[in-house]
N, C-alpha and C. Protein backbone atom coordinates (compact mmCIF):
# COMPACT_ATOMS: atom_id res chain seq x y z
N MET A 1 0.63 -1.32 -0.04
CA MET A 1 0.24 0.09 0.30
C MET A 1 0.64 1.66 0.05
N ASP A 2 2.00 1.28 0.07
CA ASP A 2 3.29 2.66 0.21
C ASP A 2 3.36 2.54 -0.87
N ASP A 3 2.84 2.01 -1.87
CA ASP A 3 2.75 2.61 -3.56
C ASP A 3 2.89 3.94 -3.97
N PRO A 4 3.81 4.63 -4.98
CA PRO A 4 2.98 5.75 -4.87
C PRO A 4 1.88 6.12 -5.71
N LEU A 5 1.22 6.62 -5.79
CA LEU A 5 0.07 7.15 -7.32
C LEU A 5 0.20 7.60 -8.28
N SER A 6 0.35 7.33 -9.14
CA SER A 6 0.51 7.64 -10.06
C SER A 6 -1.02 9.18 -9.98
N ARG A 7 -0.88 10.19 -11.63
CA ARG A 7 -1.62 11.16 -11.33
C ARG A 7 -3.05 10.51 -12.00
N ARG A 8 -3.60 9.99 -12.14
CA ARG A 8 -4.76 9.26 -13.64
C ARG A 8 -5.03 8.25 -11.95
N GLU A 9 -4.08 7.80 -11.16
CA GLU A 9 -4.14 6.49 -9.80
C GLU A 9 -4.99 7.45 -8.69
N ARG A 10 -4.43 8.20 -8.67
CA ARG A 10 -4.31 9.09 -7.43
C ARG A 10 -5.93 9.62 -7.97
N GLN A 11 -6.04 10.66 -9.05
CA GLN A 11 -7.83 10.99 -9.61
C GLN A 11 -9.04 10.47 -9.63
N VAL A 12 -8.50 8.36 -9.90
CA VAL A 12 -10.08 7.68 -9.57
C VAL A 12 -9.45 7.74 -8.29
N MET A 13 -8.72 7.36 -7.27
CA MET A 13 -8.80 7.55 -5.23
C MET A 13 -9.71 8.47 -5.02
N ASP A 14 -9.74 9.25 -5.70
CA ASP A 14 -10.81 10.48 -5.43
C ASP A 14 -12.01 10.58 -5.35
N LEU A 15 -12.11 9.95 -6.72
CA LEU A 15 -12.91 9.56 -7.05
C LEU A 15 -14.13 8.60 -6.58
N ILE A 16 -13.57 7.75 -5.65
CA ILE A 16 -13.75 6.24 -5.22
C ILE A 16 -14.23 6.72 -3.51
N TYR A 17 -13.08 7.95 -3.09
CA TYR A 17 -13.87 8.37 -1.96
C TYR A 17 -14.89 9.19 -1.95
N ARG A 18 -15.20 10.07 -3.19
CA ARG A 18 -16.37 11.16 -2.80
C ARG A 18 -17.58 10.01 -3.30
N HIS A 19 -17.49 9.17 -3.97
CA HIS A 19 -18.58 7.65 -4.50
C HIS A 19 -19.23 7.44 -3.13
N GLY A 20 -17.78 6.98 -2.53
CA GLY A 20 -17.92 5.67 -1.51
C GLY A 20 -18.06 4.57 -2.66
N ALA A 21 -17.94 4.01 -2.94
CA ALA A 21 -18.02 2.78 -3.98
C ALA A 21 -18.55 2.91 -4.89
N ALA A 22 -18.32 2.67 -5.96
CA ALA A 22 -18.57 3.11 -7.71
C ALA A 22 -18.04 2.11 -8.72
N SER A 23 -18.75 2.08 -9.73
CA SER A 23 -18.39 0.44 -10.91
C SER A 23 -17.19 1.65 -11.86
N VAL A 24 -16.61 1.00 -12.72
CA VAL A 24 -16.00 1.78 -13.80
C VAL A 24 -16.57 2.74 -14.69
N ALA A 25 -17.69 2.49 -14.57
CA ALA A 25 -18.32 2.86 -16.10
C ALA A 25 -18.63 4.58 -14.58
N THR A 26 -18.50 4.66 -13.77
CA THR A 26 -19.18 5.42 -12.73
C THR A 26 -17.91 6.64 -12.23
N ILE A 27 -16.89 6.02 -11.87
CA ILE A 27 -15.52 6.23 -12.85
C ILE A 27 -15.42 7.14 -13.38
N ARG A 28 -15.21 6.59 -15.07
CA ARG A 28 -15.42 7.47 -15.80
C ARG A 28 -16.17 8.16 -16.15
N ASP A 29 -17.58 8.06 -15.81
CA ASP A 29 -18.48 9.07 -16.11
C ASP A 29 -17.96 10.55 -15.49
N ALA A 30 -17.16 10.47 -14.22
CA ALA A 30 -17.00 11.06 -13.55
C ALA A 30 -15.30 12.30 -14.02
N MET A 31 -15.09 11.81 -14.25
CA MET A 31 -13.49 11.90 -15.20
C MET A 31 -13.62 13.44 -16.23
N ALA A 32 -13.22 14.06 -15.37
CA ALA A 32 -12.91 15.58 -16.50
C ALA A 32 -11.43 14.76 -17.65
N ASP A 33 -12.06 15.22 -18.59
CA ASP A 33 -11.10 14.42 -20.27
C ASP A 33 -10.68 13.10 -20.19
N PRO A 34 -11.97 12.19 -19.64
CA PRO A 34 -11.82 10.45 -19.42
C PRO A 34 -11.22 9.56 -20.62
N PRO A 35 -9.55 9.59 -19.97
CA PRO A 35 -9.70 8.68 -21.17
C PRO A 35 -10.35 7.16 -21.79
N SER A 36 -10.23 6.47 -23.08
CA SER A 36 -11.22 4.73 -22.86
C SER A 36 -11.37 4.16 -21.39
N TYR A 37 -12.37 3.22 -21.50
CA TYR A 37 -13.11 3.12 -20.71
C TYR A 37 -11.72 1.63 -19.77
N SER A 38 -11.51 0.98 -21.38
CA SER A 38 -10.24 -0.58 -20.82
C SER A 38 -8.80 0.65 -19.86
N ALA A 39 -9.36 1.52 -20.53
CA ALA A 39 -7.65 2.06 -19.71
C ALA A 39 -7.96 2.50 -18.50
N VAL A 40 -9.34 2.93 -17.84
CA VAL A 40 -10.03 3.05 -16.48
C VAL A 40 -10.01 1.90 -16.16
N ARG A 41 -10.55 1.05 -16.21
CA ARG A 41 -10.72 0.01 -16.27
C ARG A 41 -9.25 -0.59 -15.27
N ALA A 42 -8.16 -0.91 -16.32
CA ALA A 42 -6.54 -0.96 -16.53
C ALA A 42 -6.11 -0.13 -15.03
N LEU A 43 -6.72 1.10 -14.83
CA LEU A 43 -6.44 1.65 -13.17
C LEU A 43 -7.26 0.73 -11.97
N MET A 44 -8.14 0.48 -12.39
CA MET A 44 -8.65 1.04 -10.84
C MET A 44 -8.09 -1.16 -10.79
N SER A 45 -7.64 -1.90 -11.84
CA SER A 45 -7.24 -3.22 -11.58
C SER A 45 -5.39 -2.78 -10.82
N THR A 46 -5.12 -1.93 -11.42
CA THR A 46 -3.59 -1.60 -10.70
C THR A 46 -3.85 -1.49 -9.53
N LEU A 47 -4.85 -0.54 -9.25
CA LEU A 47 -5.12 -0.36 -7.72
C LEU A 47 -6.12 -1.55 -6.57
N VAL A 48 -6.24 -2.07 -7.36
CA VAL A 48 -6.65 -3.61 -6.08
C VAL A 48 -5.55 -3.98 -6.34
N GLU A 49 -4.14 -4.52 -7.52
CA GLU A 49 -3.24 -5.24 -6.84
C GLU A 49 -2.15 -4.58 -6.60
N LYS A 50 -2.25 -2.79 -5.79
CA LYS A 50 -1.32 -2.14 -4.53
C LYS A 50 -1.83 -2.29 -3.36
N GLU A 51 -3.23 -3.18 -3.33
CA GLU A 51 -4.62 -2.76 -2.21
C GLU A 51 -4.86 -1.43 -1.50
N HIS A 52 -4.87 -0.72 -2.64
CA HIS A 52 -6.03 1.13 -2.56
C HIS A 52 -7.38 0.38 -2.51
N LEU A 53 -7.81 -0.34 -4.07
CA LEU A 53 -9.14 -0.62 -4.35
C LEU A 53 -9.27 -2.20 -3.38
N ARG A 54 -10.97 -3.34 -3.19
CA ARG A 54 -11.22 -4.13 -3.63
C ARG A 54 -12.35 -3.96 -4.47
N TYR A 55 -13.04 -5.01 -4.49
CA TYR A 55 -14.16 -5.10 -5.60
C TYR A 55 -14.69 -6.33 -5.35
N GLU A 56 -16.86 -6.16 -5.05
CA GLU A 56 -17.30 -7.36 -5.32
C GLU A 56 -18.44 -7.35 -6.48
N ALA A 57 -18.64 -8.40 -6.64
CA ALA A 57 -19.48 -8.62 -8.92
C ALA A 57 -21.40 -7.93 -7.77
N ASP A 58 -21.65 -7.87 -8.99
CA ASP A 58 -22.94 -6.53 -9.00
C ASP A 58 -24.24 -6.98 -10.08
N GLY A 59 -24.09 -7.58 -9.76
CA GLY A 59 -24.52 -8.97 -11.35
C GLY A 59 -22.98 -9.13 -12.43
N ARG A 60 -23.62 -8.14 -13.69
CA ARG A 60 -22.23 -8.30 -14.62
C ARG A 60 -21.39 -7.14 -14.32
N ARG A 61 -21.44 -6.52 -13.26
CA ARG A 61 -20.27 -5.18 -13.16
C ARG A 61 -19.90 -5.80 -12.01
N TYR A 62 -18.60 -4.88 -11.73
CA TYR A 62 -18.18 -5.04 -10.47
C TYR A 62 -17.61 -3.14 -9.10
N VAL A 63 -18.35 -3.26 -8.71
CA VAL A 63 -18.56 -2.49 -7.92
C VAL A 63 -17.23 -2.06 -6.93
N TYR A 64 -16.22 -1.18 -6.75
CA TYR A 64 -14.55 -0.89 -6.34
C TYR A 64 -15.13 -0.23 -4.45
N HIS A 65 -14.70 -0.60 -3.97
CA HIS A 65 -14.09 0.33 -2.92
C HIS A 65 -13.40 0.48 -2.03
N PRO A 66 -12.81 1.31 -1.07
CA PRO A 66 -11.46 1.79 -1.41
C PRO A 66 -11.13 0.82 -0.26
N THR A 67 -9.85 0.44 0.56
CA THR A 67 -10.05 -0.77 1.60
C THR A 67 -9.39 -0.23 2.72
N VAL A 68 -8.99 1.63 2.52
CA VAL A 68 -8.87 2.13 3.80
C VAL A 68 -9.74 4.02 4.16
N PRO A 69 -10.07 3.90 4.85
CA PRO A 69 -11.30 4.88 5.00
C PRO A 69 -10.21 6.26 4.51
N ALA A 70 -10.98 7.09 3.75
CA ALA A 70 -10.69 8.62 4.04
C ALA A 70 -10.21 8.90 4.74
N GLU A 71 -9.54 9.56 6.11
CA GLU A 71 -9.68 10.09 6.81
C GLU A 71 -7.86 9.03 6.80
N ARG A 72 -8.19 8.21 6.57
CA ARG A 72 -6.95 6.87 7.04
C ARG A 72 -5.26 7.44 5.68
N ALA A 73 -6.25 7.32 4.93
CA ALA A 73 -5.43 7.34 3.06
C ALA A 73 -4.68 8.83 3.11
N SER A 74 -5.51 10.05 3.41
CA SER A 74 -5.07 11.64 3.95
C SER A 74 -4.04 11.92 3.70
N LEU A 75 -3.74 10.84 5.14
CA LEU A 75 -2.70 11.32 6.39
C LEU A 75 -1.42 11.23 5.41
N PRO A 76 -0.58 10.34 4.70
CA PRO A 76 0.22 10.20 4.06
C PRO A 76 0.63 11.71 2.88
N ALA A 77 -0.90 12.45 2.21
CA ALA A 77 -0.82 13.25 1.96
C ALA A 77 -0.42 14.48 1.92
N LEU A 78 -0.93 14.14 3.03
CA LEU A 78 -1.12 15.91 4.16
C LEU A 78 0.57 15.76 4.65
N GLN A 79 1.17 14.29 5.26
CA GLN A 79 2.66 14.95 5.44
C GLN A 79 3.11 15.11 4.43
N ARG A 80 2.83 14.90 2.95
CA ARG A 80 3.57 15.04 1.51
C ARG A 80 3.78 16.51 1.99
N VAL A 81 2.26 17.10 1.79
CA VAL A 81 2.39 18.44 1.78
C VAL A 81 3.17 19.37 2.40
N VAL A 82 2.84 19.22 4.51
CA VAL A 82 3.33 19.25 5.10
C VAL A 82 4.65 19.45 4.89
N SER A 83 5.36 18.99 4.53
CA SER A 83 7.18 18.87 3.91
C SER A 83 7.16 19.07 2.71
N ALA A 84 6.24 19.43 1.78
CA ALA A 84 6.93 20.03 0.77
C ALA A 84 7.05 21.86 1.18
N PHE A 85 5.38 22.11 1.63
CA PHE A 85 5.21 23.37 1.41
C PHE A 85 5.19 24.35 2.82
N PHE A 86 5.39 23.20 3.96
CA PHE A 86 6.14 23.69 4.84
C PHE A 86 6.70 23.87 6.20
N ASP A 87 7.54 22.96 4.99
CA ASP A 87 8.95 23.49 6.20
C ASP A 87 8.53 22.32 7.25
N GLY A 88 7.82 21.50 6.66
CA GLY A 88 7.49 19.87 7.88
C GLY A 88 7.14 20.15 9.35
N SER A 89 6.54 21.32 9.19
CA SER A 89 6.04 22.40 10.55
C SER A 89 4.28 21.84 10.01
N PRO A 90 3.61 21.52 10.99
CA PRO A 90 2.00 21.20 10.93
C PRO A 90 1.46 22.62 11.10
N ALA A 91 1.93 23.16 13.08
CA ALA A 91 1.37 24.29 13.24
C ALA A 91 1.16 25.58 11.12
N LYS A 92 2.34 25.40 11.07
CA LYS A 92 2.42 26.50 9.62
C LYS A 92 1.38 26.38 9.03
N ALA A 93 0.77 25.06 8.77
CA ALA A 93 -0.11 24.09 7.80
C ALA A 93 -1.57 24.96 8.42
N ALA A 94 -1.27 24.74 9.84
CA ALA A 94 -2.80 25.25 10.47
C ALA A 94 -3.20 26.19 10.00
N LEU A 95 -1.64 27.07 10.76
CA LEU A 95 -2.12 28.50 10.91
C LEU A 95 -2.16 28.71 8.63
N ALA A 96 -2.14 28.25 8.32
CA ALA A 96 -1.92 29.23 6.16
C ALA A 96 -4.14 27.65 6.17
N LEU A 97 -3.81 27.84 6.53
CA LEU A 97 -5.98 26.79 6.52
C LEU A 97 -6.41 28.12 6.84
N LEU A 98 -5.85 28.81 8.07
CA LEU A 98 -6.66 30.41 8.78
C LEU A 98 -6.90 31.83 7.34
N HIS A 99 -5.94 31.66 6.15
CA HIS A 99 -5.99 32.65 5.08
C HIS A 99 -6.81 32.28 3.96
N LEU A 100 -7.49 30.85 3.70
CA LEU A 100 -7.90 30.51 3.11
C LEU A 100 -9.23 31.34 2.90
N ASP A 101 -9.74 31.56 1.31
CA ASP A 101 -10.32 32.92 1.16
C ASP A 101 -11.74 32.29 1.81
N ASP A 102 -12.44 30.79 1.60
CA ASP A 102 -13.74 30.71 2.32
C ASP A 102 -13.45 30.74 4.63
N GLY A 103 -12.53 30.66 4.60
CA GLY A 103 -12.17 30.90 5.69
C GLY A 103 -12.81 29.70 6.92
N LEU A 104 -12.74 29.79 8.02
CA LEU A 104 -13.12 29.18 8.45
C LEU A 104 -14.90 29.47 9.57
N THR A 105 -16.01 28.26 9.42
CA THR A 105 -16.87 28.01 10.13
C THR A 105 -16.80 27.55 12.24
N ALA A 106 -17.55 28.59 12.46
CA ALA A 106 -17.80 28.67 13.70
C ALA A 106 -17.76 27.34 14.82
N GLU A 107 -18.00 26.52 14.06
CA GLU A 107 -17.92 24.88 14.83
C GLU A 107 -16.54 24.03 13.83
N GLU A 108 -16.00 24.46 12.62
CA GLU A 108 -14.57 24.58 12.45
C GLU A 108 -13.68 24.60 13.88
N ILE A 109 -13.75 25.87 13.97
CA ILE A 109 -13.41 26.57 14.71
C ILE A 109 -13.41 25.32 16.08
N ALA A 110 -14.26 26.27 16.45
CA ALA A 110 -14.51 24.64 17.77
C ALA A 110 -14.31 23.98 17.89
N SER A 111 -13.59 22.93 16.80
CA SER A 111 -13.17 21.53 16.07
C SER A 111 -11.79 22.17 16.75
N LEU A 112 -11.17 22.70 16.03
CA LEU A 112 -10.02 23.25 16.29
C LEU A 112 -9.26 23.29 17.68
N GLU A 113 -10.47 24.21 18.45
CA GLU A 113 -10.23 24.64 19.63
C GLU A 113 -10.16 23.45 20.33
N ALA A 114 -10.90 22.62 20.52
CA ALA A 114 -11.11 21.42 21.46
C ALA A 114 -9.81 20.37 21.50
N ALA A 115 -9.08 20.15 19.59
CA ALA A 115 -8.25 19.01 19.53
C ALA A 115 -6.94 19.82 19.64
N ILE A 116 -6.91 21.19 20.28
CA ILE A 116 -5.98 21.78 21.11
C ILE A 116 -5.74 21.86 22.47
N ALA A 117 -6.94 22.33 22.72
CA ALA A 117 -7.32 21.24 24.32
C ALA A 117 -6.43 20.05 24.98
N ALA A 118 -6.76 18.98 23.61
CA ALA A 118 -6.61 17.70 23.81
C ALA A 118 -4.91 17.71 23.53
N ALA A 119 -4.55 18.31 23.39
CA ALA A 119 -3.27 17.84 22.40
C ALA A 119 -2.43 18.46 23.99
N ARG A 120 -2.80 19.38 24.76
CA ARG A 120 -2.42 19.70 25.85
C ARG A 120 -2.25 19.36 26.87
N GLU A 121 -3.32 18.59 26.82
CA GLU A 121 -4.11 17.36 28.50
C GLU A 121 -2.80 16.50 27.87
N GLN A 122 -2.65 15.92 26.78
CA GLN A 122 -1.65 15.24 26.33
C GLN A 122 -0.45 15.34 26.42
N GLY A 123 0.29 16.72 27.06
CA GLY A 123 1.37 16.67 26.90
C GLY A 123 2.22 17.13 25.05
N ARG A 124 1.50 17.19 24.21
CA ARG A 124 1.47 17.37 22.69
C ARG A 124 1.84 18.67 22.92
């Protein structure tokens, strides 16, 4: 599962996480500038081999599911972003999020405050 994903593989995984589970046709239909059906099927087979996806038969088609929850799968990607753009500092990355155009909702701010308080209690 540590195999790096290609741009297209990452695109497929993003769409799988968005849909929760999907067939090859569903993923292809959701792609901007999609490759052929066969190419999407091959990408998804590769992701099964890399253990990012699993599938089950649904009549004549396969429905693909992620093997790990999105939250867990996102951590390595987030670590790469923090390393590449924020000098490896999670605090710098968190502070940058405060400056996004959309800002944070009151609920998101409360959630962050609770997470910070919990981290303090744990001595982190």
